Structure formats: C-alpha cells, structure tokens
C-alpha atoms as a PDB file:
ATOM      1  CA  MET A   1      -4.317  -4.972  19.264  1.00  0.00           C
ATOM      2  CA  LYS A   2      -2.902  -3.174  16.377  1.00  0.00           C
ATOM      3  CA  PRO A   3      -2.201  -5.433  13.424  1.00  0.00           C
ATOM      4  CA  GLN A   4       1.469  -5.697  12.682  1.00  0.00           C
ATOM      5  CA  LEU A   5       2.485  -4.741   8.963  1.00  0.00           C
ATOM      6  CA  PRO A   6       4.420  -7.693   7.454  1.00  0.00           C
ATOM      7  CA  LEU A   7       7.791  -6.810   6.458  1.00  0.00           C
ATOM      8  CA  GLY A   8       9.670  -8.053   3.327  1.00  0.00           C
ATOM      9  CA  SER A   9       6.281  -8.462   1.509  1.00  0.00           C
ATOM     10  CA  ILE A  10       4.285  -7.174  -1.317  1.00  0.00           C
ATOM     11  CA  TYR A  11       1.404  -4.426  -0.821  1.00  0.00           C
ATOM     12  CA  LEU A  12      -1.248  -4.519  -3.435  1.00  0.00           C
ATOM     13  CA  LEU A  13      -3.392  -1.326  -4.310  1.00  0.00           C
ATOM     14  CA  THR A  14      -6.503  -2.040  -6.592  1.00  0.00           C
ATOM     15  CA  ASP A  15      -7.472   0.143  -9.454  1.00  0.00           C
ATOM     16  CA  PRO A  16     -10.585  -0.424 -11.570  1.00  0.00           C
ATOM     17  CA  ASN A  17      -8.934   1.576 -14.342  1.00  0.00           C
ATOM     18  CA  LEU A  18      -6.058  -0.890 -14.806  1.00  0.00           C
ATOM     19  CA  SER A  19      -7.932  -4.209 -14.229  1.00  0.00           C
ATOM     20  CA  SER A  20      -9.310  -4.949 -17.670  1.00  0.00           C
ATOM     21  CA  GLY A  21     -12.877  -5.209 -16.367  1.00  0.00           C
ATOM     22  CA  ARG A  22     -11.943  -7.547 -13.570  1.00  0.00           C
ATOM     23  CA  THR A  23     -13.732  -6.739 -10.231  1.00  0.00           C
ATOM     24  CA  HIS A  24     -12.048  -5.497  -7.000  1.00  0.00           C
ATOM     25  CA  GLU A  25     -13.009  -9.178  -5.726  1.00  0.00           C
ATOM     26  CA  GLU A  26     -11.216 -10.963  -8.652  1.00  0.00           C
ATOM     27  CA  VAL A  27      -7.990  -8.915  -8.413  1.00  0.00           C
ATOM     28  CA  VAL A  28      -7.823  -9.375  -4.635  1.00  0.00           C
ATOM     29  CA  ARG A  29      -8.615 -13.046  -4.697  1.00  0.00           C
ATOM     30  CA  GLU A  30      -5.751 -13.725  -7.346  1.00  0.00           C
ATOM     31  CA  SER A  31      -3.421 -11.445  -5.583  1.00  0.00           C
ATOM     32  CA  ILE A  32      -3.897 -12.982  -2.326  1.00  0.00           C
ATOM     33  CA  ALA A  33      -3.478 -16.502  -3.974  1.00  0.00           C
ATOM     34  CA  GLY A  34      -0.095 -15.153  -5.275  1.00  0.00           C
ATOM     35  CA  GLY A  35       1.212 -14.202  -2.034  1.00  0.00           C
ATOM     36  CA  ALA A  36       0.070 -10.520  -1.428  1.00  0.00           C
ATOM     37  CA  LYS A  37       0.319  -9.736   2.255  1.00  0.00           C
ATOM     38  CA  ILE A  38      -1.386  -6.417   2.344  1.00  0.00           C
ATOM     39  CA  ILE A  39      -4.276  -5.125   0.265  1.00  0.00           C
ATOM     40  CA  GLN A  40      -5.381  -1.408  -0.138  1.00  0.00           C
ATOM     41  CA  LEU A  41      -8.823  -0.820  -1.529  1.00  0.00           C
ATOM     42  CA  ARG A  42      -8.214   2.156  -3.969  1.00  0.00           C
ATOM     43  CA  ASP A  43     -11.000   3.238  -6.088  1.00  0.00           C
ATOM     44  CA  LYS A  44     -11.235   6.861  -7.262  1.00  0.00           C
ATOM     45  CA  ILE A  45     -14.466   6.641  -9.076  1.00  0.00           C
ATOM     46  CA  ALA A  46     -16.968   4.604  -7.003  1.00  0.00           C
ATOM     47  CA  THR A  47     -19.506   6.102  -4.952  1.00  0.00           C
ATOM     48  CA  THR A  48     -19.305   5.985  -1.096  1.00  0.00           C
ATOM     49  CA  ARG A  49     -22.294   3.302  -1.093  1.00  0.00           C
ATOM     50  CA  LYS A  50     -20.267   1.244  -3.713  1.00  0.00           C
ATOM     51  CA  LEU A  51     -17.123   1.603  -1.548  1.00  0.00           C
ATOM     52  CA  ILE A  52     -18.707   0.301   1.449  1.00  0.00           C
ATOM     53  CA  GLU A  53     -20.197  -2.709  -0.408  1.00  0.00           C
ATOM     54  CA  ILE A  54     -16.812  -3.648  -1.861  1.00  0.00           C
ATOM     55  CA  GLY A  55     -14.902  -2.873   1.396  1.00  0.00           C
ATOM     56  CA  LYS A  56     -17.079  -5.481   3.208  1.00  0.00           C
ATOM     57  CA  LYS A  57     -16.463  -8.049   0.640  1.00  0.00           C
ATOM     58  CA  LEU A  58     -12.800  -7.455   0.595  1.00  0.00           C
ATOM     59  CA  ARG A  59     -12.619  -7.391   4.283  1.00  0.00           C
ATOM     60  CA  GLU A  60     -14.177 -10.729   4.527  1.00  0.00           C
ATOM     61  CA  MET A  61     -11.677 -12.023   2.111  1.00  0.00           C
ATOM     62  CA  THR A  62      -8.661 -10.694   3.931  1.00  0.00           C
ATOM     63  CA  LEU A  63      -9.767 -11.792   7.243  1.00  0.00           C
ATOM     64  CA  LYS A  64     -10.218 -15.407   5.964  1.00  0.00           C
ATOM     65  CA  ALA A  65      -6.531 -15.187   4.204  1.00  0.00           C
ATOM     66  CA  GLY A  66      -5.076 -13.397   7.343  1.00  0.00           C
ATOM     67  CA  VAL A  67      -4.023 -10.421   5.099  1.00  0.00           C
ATOM     68  CA  ILE A  68      -3.874  -6.903   6.242  1.00  0.00           C
ATOM     69  CA  PHE A  69      -6.490  -4.615   4.751  1.00  0.00           C
ATOM     70  CA  ILE A  70      -6.333  -0.878   4.087  1.00  0.00           C
ATOM     71  CA  VAL A  71      -8.669   1.668   2.838  1.00  0.00           C
ATOM     72  CA  ASN A  72      -7.253   4.479   0.722  1.00  0.00           C
ATOM     73  CA  ASP A  73      -8.075   8.007   1.722  1.00  0.00           C
ATOM     74  CA  ARG A  74     -11.546   7.470   3.195  1.00  0.00           C
ATOM     75  CA  VAL A  75     -11.304   7.289   7.256  1.00  0.00           C
ATOM     76  CA  ASP A  76     -15.300   6.852   6.967  1.00  0.00           C
ATOM     77  CA  ILE A  77     -14.934   3.719   4.871  1.00  0.00           C
ATOM     78  CA  ALA A  78     -12.227   2.182   6.776  1.00  0.00           C
ATOM     79  CA  LEU A  79     -14.396   2.591   9.959  1.00  0.00           C
ATOM     80  CA  SER A  80     -17.516   1.477   8.260  1.00  0.00           C
ATOM     81  CA  VAL A  81     -15.987  -1.812   7.053  1.00  0.00           C
ATOM     82  CA  ASP A  82     -13.716  -2.558  10.141  1.00  0.00           C
ATOM     83  CA  ALA A  83     -10.626  -2.432   7.874  1.00  0.00           C
ATOM     84  CA  ASP A  84      -7.178  -2.752   9.364  1.00  0.00           C
ATOM     85  CA  GLY A  85      -6.518   0.676   8.934  1.00  0.00           C
ATOM     86  CA  VAL A  86      -6.427   3.748   6.369  1.00  0.00           C
ATOM     87  CA  HIS A  87      -3.850   5.170   4.128  1.00  0.00           C
ATOM     88  CA  LEU A  88      -3.641   9.131   3.766  1.00  0.00           C
ATOM     89  CA  GLY A  89      -2.480  11.374   1.155  1.00  0.00           C
ATOM     90  CA  GLU A  90      -0.738  14.604   2.064  1.00  0.00           C
ATOM     91  CA  ASP A  91      -3.950  16.406   1.434  1.00  0.00           C
ATOM     92  CA  ASP A  92      -6.433  14.292   3.180  1.00  0.00           C
ATOM     93  CA  MET A  93      -7.386  14.211   6.861  1.00  0.00           C
ATOM     94  CA  PRO A  94      -4.538  14.811   9.299  1.00  0.00           C
ATOM     95  CA  ILE A  95      -3.274  11.721  11.115  1.00  0.00           C
ATOM     96  CA  ALA A  96      -4.269  13.082  14.646  1.00  0.00           C
ATOM     97  CA  TYR A  97      -7.857  13.535  13.467  1.00  0.00           C
ATOM     98  CA  ALA A  98      -7.833  10.048  11.857  1.00  0.00           C
ATOM     99  CA  ARG A  99      -6.653   8.435  14.853  1.00  0.00           C
ATOM    100  CA  LYS A 100      -9.381  10.014  17.108  1.00  0.00           C
ATOM    101  CA  ILE A 101     -11.925   8.543  14.743  1.00  0.00           C
ATOM    102  CA  LEU A 102     -10.252   5.015  14.368  1.00  0.00           C
ATOM    103  CA  GLY A 103      -8.574   4.726  17.662  1.00  0.00           C
ATOM    104  CA  GLU A 104      -5.237   3.190  18.471  1.00  0.00           C
ATOM    105  CA  GLY A 105      -5.973  -0.144  17.346  1.00  0.00           C
ATOM    106  CA  LYS A 106      -6.125   0.762  13.548  1.00  0.00           C
ATOM    107  CA  ILE A 107      -3.162   1.202  11.300  1.00  0.00           C
ATOM    108  CA  ILE A 108      -2.592   4.722   9.804  1.00  0.00           C
ATOM    109  CA  GLY A 109      -0.173   5.155   6.841  1.00  0.00           C
ATOM    110  CA  ILE A 110       0.748   8.161   4.947  1.00  0.00           C
ATOM    111  CA  SER A 111       2.350   9.322   1.749  1.00  0.00           C
ATOM    112  CA  VAL A 112       5.484  10.888   1.552  1.00  0.00           C
ATOM    113  CA  ASP A 113       8.342  11.859  -0.856  1.00  0.00           C
ATOM    114  CA  ASN A 114      11.135  13.025   1.215  1.00  0.00           C
ATOM    115  CA  VAL A 115      13.092  12.641   4.384  1.00  0.00           C
ATOM    116  CA  GLU A 116      11.589  15.668   6.132  1.00  0.00           C
ATOM    117  CA  LYS A 117       7.956  14.656   5.434  1.00  0.00           C
ATOM    118  CA  ALA A 118       8.870  11.220   6.760  1.00  0.00           C
ATOM    119  CA  LYS A 119      10.127  12.646   9.895  1.00  0.00           C
ATOM    120  CA  ILE A 120       6.909  14.770  10.445  1.00  0.00           C
ATOM    121  CA  ALA A 121       4.763  11.526   9.575  1.00  0.00           C
ATOM    122  CA  GLU A 122       6.613   9.822  12.361  1.00  0.00           C
ATOM    123  CA  ALA A 123       6.210  12.661  14.863  1.00  0.00           C
ATOM    124  CA  GLU A 124       2.538  12.756  14.157  1.00  0.00           C
ATOM    125  CA  GLY A 125       2.099   9.163  14.970  1.00  0.00           C
ATOM    126  CA  ALA A 126       1.922   7.630  11.532  1.00  0.00           C
ATOM    127  CA  ASP A 127       2.189   3.712  11.720  1.00  0.00           C
ATOM    128  CA  TYR A 128       4.072   3.331   8.301  1.00  0.00           C
ATOM    129  CA  ILE A 129       5.097   5.753   5.377  1.00  0.00           C
ATOM    130  CA  ALA A 130       4.603   4.936   1.668  1.00  0.00           C
ATOM    131  CA  LEU A 131       7.693   6.685   0.050  1.00  0.00           C
ATOM    132  CA  GLY A 132       7.590   7.401  -3.772  1.00  0.00           C
ATOM    133  CA  PRO A 133       7.211   7.718  -6.530  1.00  0.00           C
ATOM    134  CA  ILE A 134      10.707   5.547  -6.528  1.00  0.00           C
ATOM    135  CA  PHE A 135      10.505   5.389 -10.268  1.00  0.00           C
ATOM    136  CA  SER A 136       8.507   7.363 -12.984  1.00  0.00           C
ATOM    137  CA  THR A 137       4.820   6.171 -12.945  1.00  0.00           C
ATOM    138  CA  LYS A 138       1.665   7.103 -14.817  1.00  0.00           C
ATOM    139  CA  THR A 139      -0.865   5.383 -12.413  1.00  0.00           C
ATOM    140  CA  LYS A 140      -1.211   8.418 -10.186  1.00  0.00           C
ATOM    141  CA  ILE A 141      -1.842  11.961 -11.781  1.00  0.00           C
ATOM    142  CA  ASN A 142       0.411  14.364 -10.513  1.00  0.00           C
ATOM    143  CA  ALA A 143       2.628  11.991  -8.610  1.00  0.00           C
ATOM    144  CA  GLY A 144       5.769  14.096  -8.805  1.00  0.00           C
ATOM    145  CA  GLU A 145       9.322  13.642 -10.021  1.00  0.00           C
ATOM    146  CA  PRO A 146      10.761  10.141  -9.069  1.00  0.00           C
ATOM    147  CA  VAL A 147      12.726  10.051  -5.746  1.00  0.00           C
ATOM    148  CA  GLY A 148      14.847   7.219  -6.656  1.00  0.00           C
ATOM    149  CA  VAL A 149      16.207   4.324  -4.570  1.00  0.00           C
ATOM    150  CA  GLU A 150      18.712   6.413  -2.756  1.00  0.00           C
ATOM    151  CA  GLU A 151      15.793   8.238  -0.736  1.00  0.00           C
ATOM    152  CA  ILE A 152      14.796   4.754   0.716  1.00  0.00           C
ATOM    153  CA  LYS A 153      18.130   4.628   2.243  1.00  0.00           C
ATOM    154  CA  LYS A 154      17.925   8.348   3.450  1.00  0.00           C
ATOM    155  CA  VAL A 155      14.620   7.661   5.134  1.00  0.00           C
ATOM    156  CA  LYS A 156      15.499   4.330   6.518  1.00  0.00           C
ATOM    157  CA  SER A 157      18.542   6.065   8.193  1.00  0.00           C
ATOM    158  CA  ILE A 158      16.158   8.538   9.874  1.00  0.00           C
ATOM    159  CA  VAL A 159      12.836   7.004  10.932  1.00  0.00           C
ATOM    160  CA  ARG A 160      12.084   4.028  12.541  1.00  0.00           C
ATOM    161  CA  LEU A 161       8.672   3.414  10.909  1.00  0.00           C
ATOM    162  CA  PRO A 162       8.452   0.772   8.328  1.00  0.00           C
ATOM    163  CA  VAL A 163       9.002   2.197   4.877  1.00  0.00           C
ATOM    164  CA  ILE A 164       6.939   0.831   1.899  1.00  0.00           C
ATOM    165  CA  ALA A 165       8.242   1.937  -1.543  1.00  0.00           C
ATOM    166  CA  ILE A 166       5.847   2.773  -4.094  1.00  0.00           C
ATOM    167  CA  GLY A 167       5.752   4.211  -7.852  1.00  0.00           C
ATOM    168  CA  GLY A 168       6.638   2.479 -10.999  1.00  0.00           C
ATOM    169  CA  ILE A 169       8.055  -0.762  -9.104  1.00  0.00           C
ATOM    170  CA  ASN A 170       7.921  -4.157 -11.152  1.00  0.00           C
ATOM    171  CA  LEU A 171       9.608  -7.187 -11.711  1.00  0.00           C
ATOM    172  CA  GLN A 172      12.478  -5.787 -13.564  1.00  0.00           C
ATOM    173  CA  ASN A 173      13.544  -3.152 -10.903  1.00  0.00           C
ATOM    174  CA  ILE A 174      12.036  -4.736  -7.610  1.00  0.00           C
ATOM    175  CA  GLN A 175      15.619  -5.937  -6.435  1.00  0.00           C
ATOM    176  CA  LEU A 176      17.061  -2.461  -6.423  1.00  0.00           C
ATOM    177  CA  VAL A 177      14.270  -1.330  -4.109  1.00  0.00           C
ATOM    178  CA  ALA A 178      14.373  -4.387  -1.905  1.00  0.00           C
ATOM    179  CA  MET A 179      18.248  -3.803  -1.682  1.00  0.00           C
ATOM    180  CA  ALA A 180      17.855  -0.503  -0.723  1.00  0.00           C
ATOM    181  CA  GLY A 181      16.275  -1.212   2.500  1.00  0.00           C
ATOM    182  CA  ALA A 182      12.235  -0.999   1.812  1.00  0.00           C
ATOM    183  CA  ASP A 183      10.351  -2.953   4.389  1.00  0.00           C
ATOM    184  CA  SER A 184       7.514  -3.792   1.738  1.00  0.00           C
ATOM    185  CA  VAL A 185       7.018  -2.846  -1.902  1.00  0.00           C
ATOM    186  CA  ALA A 186       3.537  -1.482  -3.103  1.00  0.00           C
ATOM    187  CA  VAL A 187       2.515  -2.214  -6.619  1.00  0.00           C
ATOM    188  CA  ILE A 188      -0.431  -1.317  -8.704  1.00  0.00           C
ATOM    189  CA  SER A 189      -0.040  -1.685 -12.546  1.00  0.00           C
ATOM    190  CA  ALA A 190       2.573  -4.550 -12.315  1.00  0.00           C
ATOM    191  CA  VAL A 191      -0.195  -6.603 -10.813  1.00  0.00           C
ATOM    192  CA  VAL A 192      -3.482  -5.260 -11.459  1.00  0.00           C
ATOM    193  CA  GLY A 193      -2.752  -4.781 -15.236  1.00  0.00           C
ATOM    194  CA  ALA A 194      -1.194  -7.976 -15.569  1.00  0.00           C
ATOM    195  CA  PRO A 195      -2.767 -10.869 -17.934  1.00  0.00           C
ATOM    196  CA  ASP A 196      -2.036 -13.530 -15.052  1.00  0.00           C
ATOM    197  CA  ILE A 197      -2.493 -11.711 -11.626  1.00  0.00           C
ATOM    198  CA  ARG A 198      -1.532 -14.592  -9.451  1.00  0.00           C
ATOM    199  CA  ARG A 199       1.423 -15.216 -11.635  1.00  0.00           C
ATOM    200  CA  ALA A 200       2.749 -11.610 -11.759  1.00  0.00           C
ATOM    201  CA  MET A 201       2.148 -11.509  -7.817  1.00  0.00           C
ATOM    202  CA  LYS A 202       4.115 -14.669  -7.111  1.00  0.00           C
ATOM    203  CA  GLU A 203       6.749 -13.455  -9.198  1.00  0.00           C
ATOM    204  CA  LEU A 204       7.161 -10.187  -7.264  1.00  0.00           C
ATOM    205  CA  VAL A 205       6.689 -12.158  -3.932  1.00  0.00           C
ATOM    206  CA  GLU A 206       9.597 -14.398  -4.908  1.00  0.00           C
ATOM    207  CA  LYS A 207      12.068 -11.808  -6.106  1.00  0.00           C
ATOM    208  CA  MET A 208      11.313  -9.777  -3.015  1.00  0.00           C
ATOM    209  CA  GLY A 209      12.016 -12.470  -0.713  1.00  0.00           C
ATOM    210  CA  LYS A 210      15.209 -13.368  -2.719  1.00  0.00           C
ATOM    211  CA  TYR A 211      16.690  -9.537  -2.302  1.00  0.00           C
ATOM    212  CA  TYR A 212      14.905  -8.409   0.722  1.00  0.00           C
ATOM    213  CA  ASN A 213      17.773  -7.436   3.404  1.00  0.00           C
ATOM    214  CA  PRO A 214      16.393  -6.366   6.739  1.00  0.00           C
END
C-alpha cells in the first residue's frame, strides 16, 4: 500500500552546503525530534555510493520514527534504499518511467511553478506537487522568480493533489503559506542552517499547526 503524505506538516530537505558540518543523520535526527513528518534526502555533491550509504541510514531512522522518506531526483537511489518515494525536477526522469521502475506502491512528487504544469503533473500520475519558489530563495540555483502565495490558491482550486509549498519559507512567512491552503510546507535553510535544528523545526511545526486551514 502506498504511504500517505501527512497534511498540515513540515517537509524537510537536507542540504550539506547549509548544515555547518553537521551530517545528514544529525540534521534528520534533530528535525524528526522537532516534529518533521517528511524527510527528503537532497545532496547534489555526494557520489552514488555515498548516497546509497546515507540513504540506508536515513531509511532506518525514518522507519523507526514513522516518517515519510523521499529521495531527491534519483530513482535508482530511492529503489536501492527502499525509500517511500522520489521527488523529480522538471528535467528529471518522466513520471511514467519512474512509476514503471518504482511501482504503484511508491510516492512520486514533482516540482512545478504554475497551474498548467500542476495540471500536467496530475494527469501524468504524480502523487503530489511541490509548488514554488513561493518567495525568493538562494538555496536552489536558477530557482526562478517567486510565484507568491496567490499561486497556491490557484493551484489548489484546479488540482486534487496535495500541494507542498517550497521556496524561501521561514518562521516569519509560513502563516501566509498555510493560510493560502498549502497542504504541507517544505523547508531547507530555515531548519538546516539554524543553530538549533530541533527548536527551529518545532517552531515551524507549531506555527503551521496554528494557521493550517484544510
């Protein structure tokens, strides 16, 4: 049975460039302790062998905690470590091919930045969409212009898939995203780059819970 994405939650993406020397395992352990419900292994510099090694450790941690585990971009890594699913960018493997490899029991998400792409993703069989960047962000190179919170409302009115908002979201603006109807909020620098990861995550979780209006 395919895992269900928890709604009204915080989705953490790892990033070794922002973690101040802390390992993926340390970041994920503290994030889960702070209340993260979805973890994505995102590492643009590690080798395939290293990604498998890290992925296996994170898979074990997330299984014990009952947290969803997603691998960024790499369908082969997701399959190798038995992750709950994979997250694809617009230039990655097409959804249909990823589904053929992973099967019906895995989650496939994809990044989009407008309503039309969201409609296509739904038609092609995505399980969720990551919409953004909502606000300006320096975490992703060539992330594009911010789409704003109004785009969340537009997409939510058109597609039935869970909409995960991403891009420049932090403790100061998360309420705007939650109130716009985002089903979950994805964060990177707001947590990975924080001095106290557990506290940063806990504060985001609490604020999301306060303003989330399904």
